[in-house]
Amino acid sequence: MAQARPKITDELKSLSNTKWEHIIDNYIKSETDRKIAKMYYLNGLPQADIGAELGYSRSAIKRRLPKILNIIEKNTKNEP
C-alpha cells in the first residue's frame, strides 16, 4: 500500500541538502527525530524501512513526521 508523504512547501523543496541537515541538526532536539528526519527527507526511505531500522512501527514514524516537519518549517524562517 502506498504511503502518503507529508506536504513539503515550495520553500522547503528549494533548500539544499546541506541546509536541511543544518536545520535538522540544530533545531530538532530528539536524536531519534533527527534520524527519522534525515532518513525520510534526505534519503527518501519509506516509513516502514525507517521504523524497522530504528525499532518503531511504521505508524509511529508516520505520527512523528508532521511534528518534525513543523519544526523544520518554523525554523527555516529563522535561517539566513
PDB file of N, CA and C in Angstrom:
ATOM      1  N   MET A   1       0.841  -1.163   0.000  1.00  0.00           N
ATOM      2  CA  MET A   1       0.000   0.000   0.000  1.00  0.00           C
ATOM      3  C   MET A   1       0.894   1.238   0.000  1.00  0.00           C
ATOM      4  N   ALA A   2       0.541   2.226  -0.816  1.00  0.00           N
ATOM      5  CA  ALA A   2       1.306   3.463  -0.899  1.00  0.00           C
ATOM      6  C   ALA A   2       1.118   4.281   0.365  1.00  0.00           C
ATOM      7  N   GLN A   3       2.174   4.967   0.747  1.00  0.00           N
ATOM      8  CA  GLN A   3       2.138   5.785   1.950  1.00  0.00           C
ATOM      9  C   GLN A   3       2.157   7.251   1.547  1.00  0.00           C
ATOM     10  N   ALA A   4       1.288   8.024   2.145  1.00  0.00           N
ATOM     11  CA  ALA A   4       1.242   9.452   1.853  1.00  0.00           C
ATOM     12  C   ALA A   4       2.429  10.141   2.509  1.00  0.00           C
ATOM     13  N   ARG A   5       3.070  11.013   1.744  1.00  0.00           N
ATOM     14  CA  ARG A   5       4.179  11.790   2.273  1.00  0.00           C
ATOM     15  C   ARG A   5       3.642  13.122   2.759  1.00  0.00           C
ATOM     16  N   PRO A   6       4.140  13.612   3.899  1.00  0.00           N
ATOM     17  CA  PRO A   6       3.705  14.938   4.353  1.00  0.00           C
ATOM     18  C   PRO A   6       4.003  15.987   3.282  1.00  0.00           C
ATOM     19  N   LYS A   7       3.121  16.953   3.156  1.00  0.00           N
ATOM     20  CA  LYS A   7       3.273  18.012   2.157  1.00  0.00           C
ATOM     21  C   LYS A   7       4.467  18.884   2.494  1.00  0.00           C
ATOM     22  N   ILE A   8       5.345  19.050   1.530  1.00  0.00           N
ATOM     23  CA  ILE A   8       6.511  19.901   1.696  1.00  0.00           C
ATOM     24  C   ILE A   8       6.293  21.154   0.860  1.00  0.00           C
ATOM     25  N   THR A   9       6.470  22.310   1.493  1.00  0.00           N
ATOM     26  CA  THR A   9       6.252  23.580   0.805  1.00  0.00           C
ATOM     27  C   THR A   9       7.312  23.794  -0.272  1.00  0.00           C
ATOM     28  N   ASP A  10       7.012  24.691  -1.207  1.00  0.00           N
ATOM     29  CA  ASP A  10       7.976  25.024  -2.254  1.00  0.00           C
ATOM     30  C   ASP A  10       9.256  25.584  -1.658  1.00  0.00           C
ATOM     31  N   GLU A  11       9.111  26.344  -0.575  1.00  0.00           N
ATOM     32  CA  GLU A  11      10.284  26.912   0.089  1.00  0.00           C
ATOM     33  C   GLU A  11      11.220  25.805   0.578  1.00  0.00           C
ATOM     34  N   LEU A  12      10.644  24.760   1.169  1.00  0.00           N
ATOM     35  CA  LEU A  12      11.466  23.651   1.649  1.00  0.00           C
ATOM     36  C   LEU A  12      12.044  22.847   0.495  1.00  0.00           C
ATOM     37  N   LYS A  13      11.279  22.694  -0.566  1.00  0.00           N
ATOM     38  CA  LYS A  13      11.769  21.954  -1.728  1.00  0.00           C
ATOM     39  C   LYS A  13      13.012  22.607  -2.316  1.00  0.00           C
ATOM     40  N   SER A  14      13.118  23.928  -2.171  1.00  0.00           N
ATOM     41  CA  SER A  14      14.248  24.643  -2.770  1.00  0.00           C
ATOM     42  C   SER A  14      15.512  24.613  -1.896  1.00  0.00           C
ATOM     43  N   LEU A  15      15.410  24.095  -0.672  1.00  0.00           N
ATOM     44  CA  LEU A  15      16.581  24.043   0.205  1.00  0.00           C
ATOM     45  C   LEU A  15      17.564  22.967  -0.243  1.00  0.00           C
ATOM     46  N   SER A  16      18.828  23.258  -0.091  1.00  0.00           N
ATOM     47  CA  SER A  16      19.861  22.267  -0.384  1.00  0.00           C
ATOM     48  C   SER A  16      19.887  21.218   0.722  1.00  0.00           C
ATOM     49  N   ASN A  17      20.468  20.074   0.425  1.00  0.00           N
ATOM     50  CA  ASN A  17      20.600  19.031   1.451  1.00  0.00           C
ATOM     51  C   ASN A  17      21.429  19.531   2.629  1.00  0.00           C
ATOM     52  N   THR A  18      22.416  20.374   2.352  1.00  0.00           N
ATOM     53  CA  THR A  18      23.241  20.938   3.414  1.00  0.00           C
ATOM     54  C   THR A  18      22.395  21.780   4.363  1.00  0.00           C
ATOM     55  N   LYS A  19      21.501  22.581   3.814  1.00  0.00           N
ATOM     56  CA  LYS A  19      20.627  23.428   4.624  1.00  0.00           C
ATOM     57  C   LYS A  19      19.657  22.561   5.425  1.00  0.00           C
ATOM     58  N   TRP A  20      19.098  21.520   4.798  1.00  0.00           N
ATOM     59  CA  TRP A  20      18.217  20.588   5.510  1.00  0.00           C
ATOM     60  C   TRP A  20      18.963  20.002   6.712  1.00  0.00           C
ATOM     61  N   GLU A  21      20.174  19.516   6.474  1.00  0.00           N
ATOM     62  CA  GLU A  21      20.947  18.906   7.559  1.00  0.00           C
ATOM     63  C   GLU A  21      21.210  19.907   8.680  1.00  0.00           C
ATOM     64  N   HIS A  22      21.559  21.132   8.314  1.00  0.00           N
ATOM     65  CA  HIS A  22      21.818  22.171   9.308  1.00  0.00           C
ATOM     66  C   HIS A  22      20.581  22.403  10.181  1.00  0.00           C
ATOM     67  N   ILE A  23      19.431  22.538   9.554  1.00  0.00           N
ATOM     68  CA  ILE A  23      18.194  22.792  10.299  1.00  0.00           C
ATOM     69  C   ILE A  23      17.844  21.590  11.175  1.00  0.00           C
ATOM     70  N   ILE A  24      17.944  20.397  10.619  1.00  0.00           N
ATOM     71  CA  ILE A  24      17.651  19.184  11.395  1.00  0.00           C
ATOM     72  C   ILE A  24      18.578  19.080  12.601  1.00  0.00           C
ATOM     73  N   ASP A  25      19.871  19.260  12.373  1.00  0.00           N
ATOM     74  CA  ASP A  25      20.858  19.109  13.452  1.00  0.00           C
ATOM     75  C   ASP A  25      20.722  20.176  14.537  1.00  0.00           C
ATOM     76  N   ASN A  26      20.296  21.379  14.154  1.00  0.00           N
ATOM     77  CA  ASN A  26      20.272  22.484  15.104  1.00  0.00           C
ATOM     78  C   ASN A  26      18.931  22.726  15.788  1.00  0.00           C
ATOM     79  N   TYR A  27      17.848  22.251  15.220  1.00  0.00           N
ATOM     80  CA  TYR A  27      16.539  22.584  15.770  1.00  0.00           C
ATOM     81  C   TYR A  27      15.714  21.393  16.244  1.00  0.00           C
ATOM     82  N   ILE A  28      16.061  20.196  15.837  1.00  0.00           N
ATOM     83  CA  ILE A  28      15.315  19.016  16.286  1.00  0.00           C
ATOM     84  C   ILE A  28      16.076  18.426  17.470  1.00  0.00           C
ATOM     85  N   LYS A  29      15.454  18.492  18.634  1.00  0.00           N
ATOM     86  CA  LYS A  29      16.144  18.119  19.879  1.00  0.00           C
ATOM     87  C   LYS A  29      16.324  16.614  20.042  1.00  0.00           C
ATOM     88  N   SER A  30      15.335  15.841  19.669  1.00  0.00           N
ATOM     89  CA  SER A  30      15.387  14.395  19.849  1.00  0.00           C
ATOM     90  C   SER A  30      16.319  13.746  18.815  1.00  0.00           C
ATOM     91  N   GLU A  31      17.248  12.948  19.326  1.00  0.00           N
ATOM     92  CA  GLU A  31      18.158  12.236  18.425  1.00  0.00           C
ATOM     93  C   GLU A  31      17.377  11.308  17.486  1.00  0.00           C
ATOM     94  N   THR A  32      16.368  10.651  18.021  1.00  0.00           N
ATOM     95  CA  THR A  32      15.545   9.763  17.195  1.00  0.00           C
ATOM     96  C   THR A  32      14.852  10.548  16.088  1.00  0.00           C
ATOM     97  N   ASP A  33      14.290  11.701  16.424  1.00  0.00           N
ATOM     98  CA  ASP A  33      13.615  12.516  15.408  1.00  0.00           C
ATOM     99  C   ASP A  33      14.595  13.041  14.367  1.00  0.00           C
ATOM    100  N   ARG A  34      15.819  13.348  14.779  1.00  0.00           N
ATOM    101  CA  ARG A  34      16.837  13.761  13.799  1.00  0.00           C
ATOM    102  C   ARG A  34      17.128  12.625  12.833  1.00  0.00           C
ATOM    103  N   LYS A  35      17.248  11.408  13.358  1.00  0.00           N
ATOM    104  CA  LYS A  35      17.496  10.245  12.498  1.00  0.00           C
ATOM    105  C   LYS A  35      16.327  10.041  11.533  1.00  0.00           C
ATOM    106  N   ILE A  36      15.113  10.128  12.065  1.00  0.00           N
ATOM    107  CA  ILE A  36      13.919   9.957  11.222  1.00  0.00           C
ATOM    108  C   ILE A  36      13.910  11.011  10.118  1.00  0.00           C
ATOM    109  N   ALA A  37      14.161  12.271  10.482  1.00  0.00           N
ATOM    110  CA  ALA A  37      14.142  13.360   9.507  1.00  0.00           C
ATOM    111  C   ALA A  37      15.156  13.125   8.396  1.00  0.00           C
ATOM    112  N   LYS A  38      16.350  12.743   8.759  1.00  0.00           N
ATOM    113  CA  LYS A  38      17.393  12.525   7.753  1.00  0.00           C
ATOM    114  C   LYS A  38      17.070  11.335   6.861  1.00  0.00           C
ATOM    115  N   MET A  39      16.601  10.258   7.476  1.00  0.00           N
ATOM    116  CA  MET A  39      16.287   9.065   6.692  1.00  0.00           C
ATOM    117  C   MET A  39      15.127   9.322   5.735  1.00  0.00           C
ATOM    118  N   TYR A  40      14.145  10.072   6.202  1.00  0.00           N
ATOM    119  CA  TYR A  40      12.934  10.287   5.413  1.00  0.00           C
ATOM    120  C   TYR A  40      13.101  11.412   4.400  1.00  0.00           C
ATOM    121  N   TYR A  41      13.527  12.588   4.870  1.00  0.00           N
ATOM    122  CA  TYR A  41      13.572  13.751   3.995  1.00  0.00           C
ATOM    123  C   TYR A  41      14.834  13.839   3.153  1.00  0.00           C
ATOM    124  N   LEU A  42      15.954  13.368   3.660  1.00  0.00           N
ATOM    125  CA  LEU A  42      17.193  13.455   2.885  1.00  0.00           C
ATOM    126  C   LEU A  42      17.474  12.195   2.078  1.00  0.00           C
ATOM    127  N   ASN A  43      17.177  11.035   2.670  1.00  0.00           N
ATOM    128  CA  ASN A  43      17.478   9.777   1.983  1.00  0.00           C
ATOM    129  C   ASN A  43      16.280   9.175   1.275  1.00  0.00           C
ATOM    130  N   GLY A  44      15.083   9.695   1.560  1.00  0.00           N
ATOM    131  CA  GLY A  44      13.881   9.223   0.872  1.00  0.00           C
ATOM    132  C   GLY A  44      13.450   7.811   1.237  1.00  0.00           C
ATOM    133  N   LEU A  45      13.835   7.346   2.414  1.00  0.00           N
ATOM    134  CA  LEU A  45      13.448   5.990   2.814  1.00  0.00           C
ATOM    135  C   LEU A  45      11.970   5.935   3.179  1.00  0.00           C
ATOM    136  N   PRO A  46      11.315   4.817   2.894  1.00  0.00           N
ATOM    137  CA  PRO A  46       9.913   4.651   3.284  1.00  0.00           C
ATOM    138  C   PRO A  46       9.769   4.569   4.807  1.00  0.00           C
ATOM    139  N   GLN A  47       8.604   4.961   5.280  1.00  0.00           N
ATOM    140  CA  GLN A  47       8.324   4.954   6.709  1.00  0.00           C
ATOM    141  C   GLN A  47       8.537   3.572   7.322  1.00  0.00           C
ATOM    142  N   ALA A  48       8.116   2.542   6.640  1.00  0.00           N
ATOM    143  CA  ALA A  48       8.260   1.174   7.165  1.00  0.00           C
ATOM    144  C   ALA A  48       9.733   0.806   7.340  1.00  0.00           C
ATOM    145  N   ASP A  49      10.575   1.200   6.396  1.00  0.00           N
ATOM    146  CA  ASP A  49      12.005   0.896   6.489  1.00  0.00           C
ATOM    147  C   ASP A  49      12.654   1.652   7.647  1.00  0.00           C
ATOM    148  N   ILE A  50      12.250   2.908   7.827  1.00  0.00           N
ATOM    149  CA  ILE A  50      12.781   3.703   8.938  1.00  0.00           C
ATOM    150  C   ILE A  50      12.382   3.054  10.261  1.00  0.00           C
ATOM    151  N   GLY A  51      11.116   2.673  10.365  1.00  0.00           N
ATOM    152  CA  GLY A  51      10.640   2.018  11.576  1.00  0.00           C
ATOM    153  C   GLY A  51      11.407   0.745  11.875  1.00  0.00           C
ATOM    154  N   ALA A  52      11.626  -0.063  10.842  1.00  0.00           N
ATOM    155  CA  ALA A  52      12.362  -1.319  11.037  1.00  0.00           C
ATOM    156  C   ALA A  52      13.795  -1.044  11.484  1.00  0.00           C
ATOM    157  N   GLU A  53      14.419  -0.054  10.907  1.00  0.00           N
ATOM    158  CA  GLU A  53      15.799   0.306  11.249  1.00  0.00           C
ATOM    159  C   GLU A  53      15.919   0.813  12.694  1.00  0.00           C
ATOM    160  N   LEU A  54      14.935   1.593  13.112  1.00  0.00           N
ATOM    161  CA  LEU A  54      15.009   2.231  14.433  1.00  0.00           C
ATOM    162  C   LEU A  54      14.224   1.497  15.527  1.00  0.00           C
ATOM    163  N   GLY A  55      13.515   0.438  15.151  1.00  0.00           N
ATOM    164  CA  GLY A  55      12.775  -0.341  16.140  1.00  0.00           C
ATOM    165  C   GLY A  55      11.410   0.228  16.491  1.00  0.00           C
ATOM    166  N   TYR A  56      10.779   0.927  15.530  1.00  0.00           N
ATOM    167  CA  TYR A  56       9.445   1.504  15.717  1.00  0.00           C
ATOM    168  C   TYR A  56       8.517   0.953  14.642  1.00  0.00           C
ATOM    169  N   SER A  57       7.231   1.058  14.880  1.00  0.00           N
ATOM    170  CA  SER A  57       6.265   0.678  13.844  1.00  0.00           C
ATOM    171  C   SER A  57       6.200   1.779  12.793  1.00  0.00           C
ATOM    172  N   ARG A  58       5.691   1.440  11.625  1.00  0.00           N
ATOM    173  CA  ARG A  58       5.512   2.430  10.564  1.00  0.00           C
ATOM    174  C   ARG A  58       4.577   3.528  11.039  1.00  0.00           C
ATOM    175  N   SER A  59       3.548   3.158  11.773  1.00  0.00           N
ATOM    176  CA  SER A  59       2.585   4.156  12.238  1.00  0.00           C
ATOM    177  C   SER A  59       3.221   5.118  13.247  1.00  0.00           C
ATOM    178  N   ALA A  60       4.165   4.651  14.040  1.00  0.00           N
ATOM    179  CA  ALA A  60       4.866   5.542  14.973  1.00  0.00           C
ATOM    180  C   ALA A  60       5.694   6.569  14.207  1.00  0.00           C
ATOM    181  N   ILE A  61       6.326   6.122  13.147  1.00  0.00           N
ATOM    182  CA  ILE A  61       7.107   7.047  12.308  1.00  0.00           C
ATOM    183  C   ILE A  61       6.164   8.047  11.649  1.00  0.00           C
ATOM    184  N   LYS A  62       5.053   7.553  11.135  1.00  0.00           N
ATOM    185  CA  LYS A  62       4.069   8.422  10.475  1.00  0.00           C
ATOM    186  C   LYS A  62       3.557   9.502  11.434  1.00  0.00           C
ATOM    187  N   ARG A  63       3.336   9.149  12.680  1.00  0.00           N
ATOM    188  CA  ARG A  63       2.851  10.121  13.672  1.00  0.00           C
ATOM    189  C   ARG A  63       3.904  11.176  14.005  1.00  0.00           C
ATOM    190  N   ARG A  64       5.159  10.805  13.951  1.00  0.00           N
ATOM    191  CA  ARG A  64       6.231  11.741  14.317  1.00  0.00           C
ATOM    192  C   ARG A  64       6.549  12.723  13.191  1.00  0.00           C
ATOM    193  N   LEU A  65       6.350  12.322  11.952  1.00  0.00           N
ATOM    194  CA  LEU A  65       6.758  13.150  10.820  1.00  0.00           C
ATOM    195  C   LEU A  65       6.114  14.534  10.769  1.00  0.00           C
ATOM    196  N   PRO A  66       4.818  14.690  11.027  1.00  0.00           N
ATOM    197  CA  PRO A  66       4.248  16.050  10.985  1.00  0.00           C
ATOM    198  C   PRO A  66       4.876  16.996  12.006  1.00  0.00           C
ATOM    199  N   LYS A  67       5.178  16.502  13.213  1.00  0.00           N
ATOM    200  CA  LYS A  67       5.846  17.336  14.225  1.00  0.00           C
ATOM    201  C   LYS A  67       7.238  17.737  13.747  1.00  0.00           C
ATOM    202  N   ILE A  68       7.943  16.784  13.184  1.00  0.00           N
ATOM    203  CA  ILE A  68       9.291  17.042  12.679  1.00  0.00           C
ATOM    204  C   ILE A  68       9.239  18.086  11.565  1.00  0.00           C
ATOM    205  N   LEU A  69       8.310  17.903  10.638  1.00  0.00           N
ATOM    206  CA  LEU A  69       8.191  18.848   9.520  1.00  0.00           C
ATOM    207  C   LEU A  69       7.813  20.231  10.024  1.00  0.00           C
ATOM    208  N   ASN A  70       6.957  20.298  11.016  1.00  0.00           N
ATOM    209  CA  ASN A  70       6.565  21.587  11.586  1.00  0.00           C
ATOM    210  C   ASN A  70       7.777  22.324  12.161  1.00  0.00           C
ATOM    211  N   ILE A  71       8.632  21.617  12.861  1.00  0.00           N
ATOM    212  CA  ILE A  71       9.854  22.212  13.419  1.00  0.00           C
ATOM    213  C   ILE A  71      10.745  22.722  12.292  1.00  0.00           C
ATOM    214  N   ILE A  72      10.895  21.918  11.259  1.00  0.00           N
ATOM    215  CA  ILE A  72      11.740  22.312  10.126  1.00  0.00           C
ATOM    216  C   ILE A  72      11.171  23.558   9.451  1.00  0.00           C
ATOM    217  N   GLU A  73       9.863  23.557   9.191  1.00  0.00           N
ATOM    218  CA  GLU A  73       9.242  24.706   8.530  1.00  0.00           C
ATOM    219  C   GLU A  73       9.388  25.978   9.371  1.00  0.00           C
ATOM    220  N   LYS A  74       9.127  25.862  10.651  1.00  0.00           N
ATOM    221  CA  LYS A  74       9.185  27.029  11.532  1.00  0.00           C
ATOM    222  C   LYS A  74      10.598  27.607  11.577  1.00  0.00           C
ATOM    223  N   ASN A  75      11.597  26.752  11.620  1.00  0.00           N
ATOM    224  CA  ASN A  75      12.960  27.208  11.776  1.00  0.00           C
ATOM    225  C   ASN A  75      13.648  27.553  10.472  1.00  0.00           C
ATOM    226  N   THR A  76      13.067  27.182   9.354  1.00  0.00           N
ATOM    227  CA  THR A  76      13.599  27.605   8.066  1.00  0.00           C
ATOM    228  C   THR A  76      13.522  29.116   7.970  1.00  0.00           C
ATOM    229  N   LYS A  77      12.474  29.695   8.532  1.00  0.00           N
ATOM    230  CA  LYS A  77      12.279  31.133   8.500  1.00  0.00           C
ATOM    231  C   LYS A  77      13.301  31.865   9.366  1.00  0.00           C
ATOM    232  N   ASN A  78      13.893  31.176  10.344  1.00  0.00           N
ATOM    233  CA  ASN A  78      14.892  31.775  11.222  1.00  0.00           C
ATOM    234  C   ASN A  78      16.303  31.738  10.633  1.00  0.00           C
ATOM    235  N   GLU A  79      16.467  31.028   9.561  1.00  0.00           N
ATOM    236  CA  GLU A  79      17.784  30.862   8.963  1.00  0.00           C
ATOM    237  C   GLU A  79      18.017  31.865   7.838  1.00  0.00           C
ATOM    238  N   PRO A  80      19.251  32.353   7.720  1.00  0.00           N
ATOM    239  CA  PRO A  80      19.561  33.284   6.624  1.00  0.00           C
ATOM    240  C   PRO A  80      19.550  32.612   5.273  1.00  0.00           C
TER     241      PRO A  80
END
